[in-house]
Amino acid sequence: MHLCRYKNSRRIVENSESNILIVGSSLIIENAQEDDAGEYMCTVDTPFVTGYTDIGRIFRLNRDLSPPESC
């Protein structure tokens, strides 16, 4: 089985300076930031299936970092 992963149509290549990890068949984004948002795609080639594509999207996550109101 051969997997290729893409972000916004550009192939993802794992390197030590990236927060993107490829572990087995999983793509992990550590400490996701706003610039990690985009369209992620995985293509799979096997002896049985060629060119299967799965697309996922990461949406912006807003966190309220203000301190809680005191009682």
N, C-alpha and C. Protein backbone atom coordinates (compact mmCIF):
# COMPACT_ATOMS: atom_id res chain seq x y z
N MET A 1 0.85 -1.17 0.00
CA MET A 1 0.00 0.00 0.00
C MET A 1 0.89 1.24 0.00
N HIS A 2 0.53 2.20 -0.80
CA HIS A 2 1.29 3.45 -0.89
C HIS A 2 0.35 4.61 -0.60
N LEU A 3 0.67 5.40 0.44
CA LEU A 3 -0.13 6.56 0.82
C LEU A 3 0.61 7.84 0.48
N CYS A 4 -0.10 8.80 -0.07
CA CYS A 4 0.43 10.15 -0.28
C CYS A 4 -0.55 11.12 0.37
N ARG A 5 -0.01 12.08 1.10
CA ARG A 5 -0.85 13.06 1.77
C ARG A 5 -0.55 14.44 1.22
N TYR A 6 -1.62 15.25 1.15
CA TYR A 6 -1.51 16.59 0.57
C TYR A 6 -2.23 17.60 1.45
N LYS A 7 -1.71 18.81 1.48
CA LYS A 7 -2.40 19.95 2.09
C LYS A 7 -2.55 21.00 1.00
N ASN A 8 -3.80 21.38 0.74
CA ASN A 8 -4.09 22.37 -0.31
C ASN A 8 -3.38 22.02 -1.61
N SER A 9 -3.46 20.75 -1.99
CA SER A 9 -2.91 20.19 -3.25
C SER A 9 -1.39 20.10 -3.28
N ARG A 10 -0.71 20.38 -2.18
CA ARG A 10 0.75 20.24 -2.13
C ARG A 10 1.10 19.03 -1.27
N ARG A 11 1.99 18.21 -1.78
CA ARG A 11 2.35 16.98 -1.07
C ARG A 11 3.01 17.31 0.27
N ILE A 12 2.61 16.59 1.30
CA ILE A 12 3.17 16.77 2.64
C ILE A 12 4.37 15.84 2.78
N VAL A 13 5.50 16.42 3.16
CA VAL A 13 6.71 15.65 3.41
C VAL A 13 7.08 15.89 4.87
N GLU A 14 7.13 14.83 5.64
CA GLU A 14 7.44 14.95 7.06
C GLU A 14 8.90 15.35 7.23
N ASN A 15 9.15 16.33 8.09
CA ASN A 15 10.52 16.71 8.42
C ASN A 15 10.58 17.16 9.88
N SER A 16 11.77 17.28 10.41
CA SER A 16 11.94 17.57 11.84
C SER A 16 11.49 18.97 12.22
N GLU A 17 11.35 19.89 11.28
CA GLU A 17 10.95 21.26 11.59
C GLU A 17 9.44 21.46 11.47
N SER A 18 8.71 20.44 11.09
CA SER A 18 7.27 20.55 10.89
C SER A 18 6.51 20.04 12.11
N ASN A 19 5.30 20.57 12.30
CA ASN A 19 4.45 20.06 13.38
C ASN A 19 3.52 18.97 12.87
N ILE A 20 3.74 18.51 11.63
CA ILE A 20 2.94 17.44 11.04
C ILE A 20 3.72 16.14 11.12
N LEU A 21 3.09 15.15 11.74
CA LEU A 21 3.70 13.83 11.88
C LEU A 21 2.88 12.81 11.11
N ILE A 22 3.55 11.84 10.52
CA ILE A 22 2.88 10.73 9.86
C ILE A 22 3.24 9.48 10.65
N VAL A 23 2.23 8.89 11.27
CA VAL A 23 2.42 7.71 12.11
C VAL A 23 1.53 6.62 11.55
N GLY A 24 2.14 5.61 10.93
CA GLY A 24 1.36 4.57 10.27
C GLY A 24 0.49 5.18 9.19
N SER A 25 -0.80 4.97 9.29
CA SER A 25 -1.71 5.55 8.30
C SER A 25 -2.35 6.84 8.80
N SER A 26 -1.87 7.36 9.94
CA SER A 26 -2.45 8.58 10.52
C SER A 26 -1.59 9.79 10.24
N LEU A 27 -2.25 10.93 10.07
CA LEU A 27 -1.57 12.22 9.96
C LEU A 27 -1.93 12.98 11.22
N ILE A 28 -0.92 13.41 11.97
CA ILE A 28 -1.12 14.08 13.25
C ILE A 28 -0.55 15.48 13.16
N ILE A 29 -1.35 16.47 13.54
CA ILE A 29 -0.89 17.86 13.58
C ILE A 29 -0.75 18.22 15.05
N GLU A 30 0.49 18.41 15.49
CA GLU A 30 0.74 18.76 16.88
C GLU A 30 0.65 20.27 17.05
N ASN A 31 0.02 20.71 18.14
CA ASN A 31 -0.11 22.14 18.43
C ASN A 31 -0.61 22.91 17.22
N ALA A 32 -1.75 22.48 16.69
CA ALA A 32 -2.30 23.09 15.48
C ALA A 32 -2.46 24.60 15.64
N GLN A 33 -2.08 25.31 14.61
CA GLN A 33 -2.19 26.77 14.57
C GLN A 33 -3.08 27.17 13.41
N GLU A 34 -3.40 28.44 13.33
CA GLU A 34 -4.29 28.92 12.28
C GLU A 34 -3.75 28.60 10.89
N ASP A 35 -2.44 28.66 10.69
CA ASP A 35 -1.89 28.39 9.36
C ASP A 35 -1.92 26.90 9.00
N ASP A 36 -2.32 26.04 9.93
CA ASP A 36 -2.51 24.62 9.62
C ASP A 36 -3.88 24.36 8.99
N ALA A 37 -4.77 25.36 9.02
CA ALA A 37 -6.10 25.19 8.43
C ALA A 37 -5.96 24.97 6.93
N GLY A 38 -6.82 24.16 6.36
CA GLY A 38 -6.79 23.92 4.93
C GLY A 38 -7.46 22.61 4.58
N GLU A 39 -7.32 22.22 3.33
CA GLU A 39 -7.90 20.98 2.85
C GLU A 39 -6.80 19.92 2.81
N TYR A 40 -7.01 18.85 3.54
CA TYR A 40 -6.06 17.75 3.60
C TYR A 40 -6.61 16.58 2.80
N MET A 41 -5.74 15.93 2.05
CA MET A 41 -6.18 14.84 1.18
C MET A 41 -5.18 13.70 1.30
N CYS A 42 -5.70 12.48 1.21
CA CYS A 42 -4.85 11.30 1.22
C CYS A 42 -5.22 10.45 0.01
N THR A 43 -4.22 10.05 -0.76
CA THR A 43 -4.47 9.13 -1.87
C THR A 43 -3.83 7.80 -1.53
N VAL A 44 -4.49 6.73 -1.93
CA VAL A 44 -4.04 5.37 -1.61
C VAL A 44 -3.95 4.55 -2.88
N ASP A 45 -2.84 3.87 -3.06
CA ASP A 45 -2.68 2.91 -4.14
C ASP A 45 -2.35 1.56 -3.52
N THR A 46 -3.13 0.54 -3.86
CA THR A 46 -2.89 -0.83 -3.40
C THR A 46 -3.00 -1.74 -4.62
N PRO A 47 -2.67 -3.01 -4.47
CA PRO A 47 -2.86 -3.93 -5.59
C PRO A 47 -4.34 -4.05 -5.99
N PHE A 48 -5.24 -3.71 -5.06
CA PHE A 48 -6.67 -3.87 -5.32
C PHE A 48 -7.36 -2.57 -5.72
N VAL A 49 -6.84 -1.44 -5.21
CA VAL A 49 -7.46 -0.13 -5.46
C VAL A 49 -6.37 0.84 -5.85
N THR A 50 -6.61 1.61 -6.90
CA THR A 50 -5.66 2.63 -7.33
C THR A 50 -6.36 3.97 -7.37
N GLY A 51 -5.72 4.96 -6.78
CA GLY A 51 -6.22 6.32 -6.87
C GLY A 51 -7.37 6.67 -5.95
N TYR A 52 -7.60 5.86 -4.90
CA TYR A 52 -8.65 6.21 -3.94
C TYR A 52 -8.25 7.49 -3.23
N THR A 53 -9.19 8.40 -3.07
CA THR A 53 -8.91 9.69 -2.44
C THR A 53 -9.86 9.92 -1.29
N ASP A 54 -9.33 10.40 -0.18
CA ASP A 54 -10.13 10.79 0.98
C ASP A 54 -9.75 12.21 1.33
N ILE A 55 -10.73 13.08 1.49
CA ILE A 55 -10.47 14.49 1.75
C ILE A 55 -11.04 14.86 3.11
N GLY A 56 -10.27 15.60 3.87
CA GLY A 56 -10.73 16.11 5.16
C GLY A 56 -10.38 17.58 5.28
N ARG A 57 -11.08 18.25 6.13
CA ARG A 57 -10.80 19.67 6.34
C ARG A 57 -10.56 19.93 7.82
N ILE A 58 -9.69 20.87 8.09
CA ILE A 58 -9.49 21.34 9.45
C ILE A 58 -10.14 22.70 9.55
N PHE A 59 -10.96 22.85 10.55
CA PHE A 59 -11.65 24.12 10.76
C PHE A 59 -10.98 24.88 11.89
N ARG A 60 -11.14 26.18 11.85
CA ARG A 60 -10.54 27.03 12.86
C ARG A 60 -11.20 26.77 14.22
N LEU A 61 -10.38 26.62 15.22
CA LEU A 61 -10.85 26.39 16.57
C LEU A 61 -10.60 27.66 17.37
N ASN A 62 -11.64 28.23 17.91
CA ASN A 62 -11.50 29.43 18.74
C ASN A 62 -11.54 29.03 20.20
N ARG A 63 -10.58 29.50 20.95
CA ARG A 63 -10.57 29.23 22.38
C ARG A 63 -10.66 30.56 23.11
N ASP A 64 -11.49 30.62 24.10
CA ASP A 64 -11.60 31.81 24.93
C ASP A 64 -10.54 31.71 26.01
N LEU A 65 -9.52 32.55 25.91
CA LEU A 65 -8.41 32.49 26.85
C LEU A 65 -8.56 33.48 27.99
N SER A 66 -9.70 34.16 28.06
CA SER A 66 -9.90 35.11 29.15
C SER A 66 -10.11 34.35 30.45
N PRO A 67 -9.66 34.94 31.57
CA PRO A 67 -9.83 34.24 32.86
C PRO A 67 -11.30 34.14 33.23
N PRO A 68 -11.66 33.11 33.98
CA PRO A 68 -13.06 32.97 34.39
C PRO A 68 -13.47 34.09 35.33
N GLU A 69 -14.75 34.44 35.30
CA GLU A 69 -15.25 35.48 36.19
C GLU A 69 -15.21 34.98 37.62
N SER A 70 -14.83 35.88 38.53
CA SER A 70 -14.80 35.48 39.94
C SER A 70 -16.20 35.58 40.54
N CYS A 71 -16.44 34.83 41.59
CA CYS A 71 -17.75 34.81 42.26
C CYS A 71 -17.93 35.99 43.16
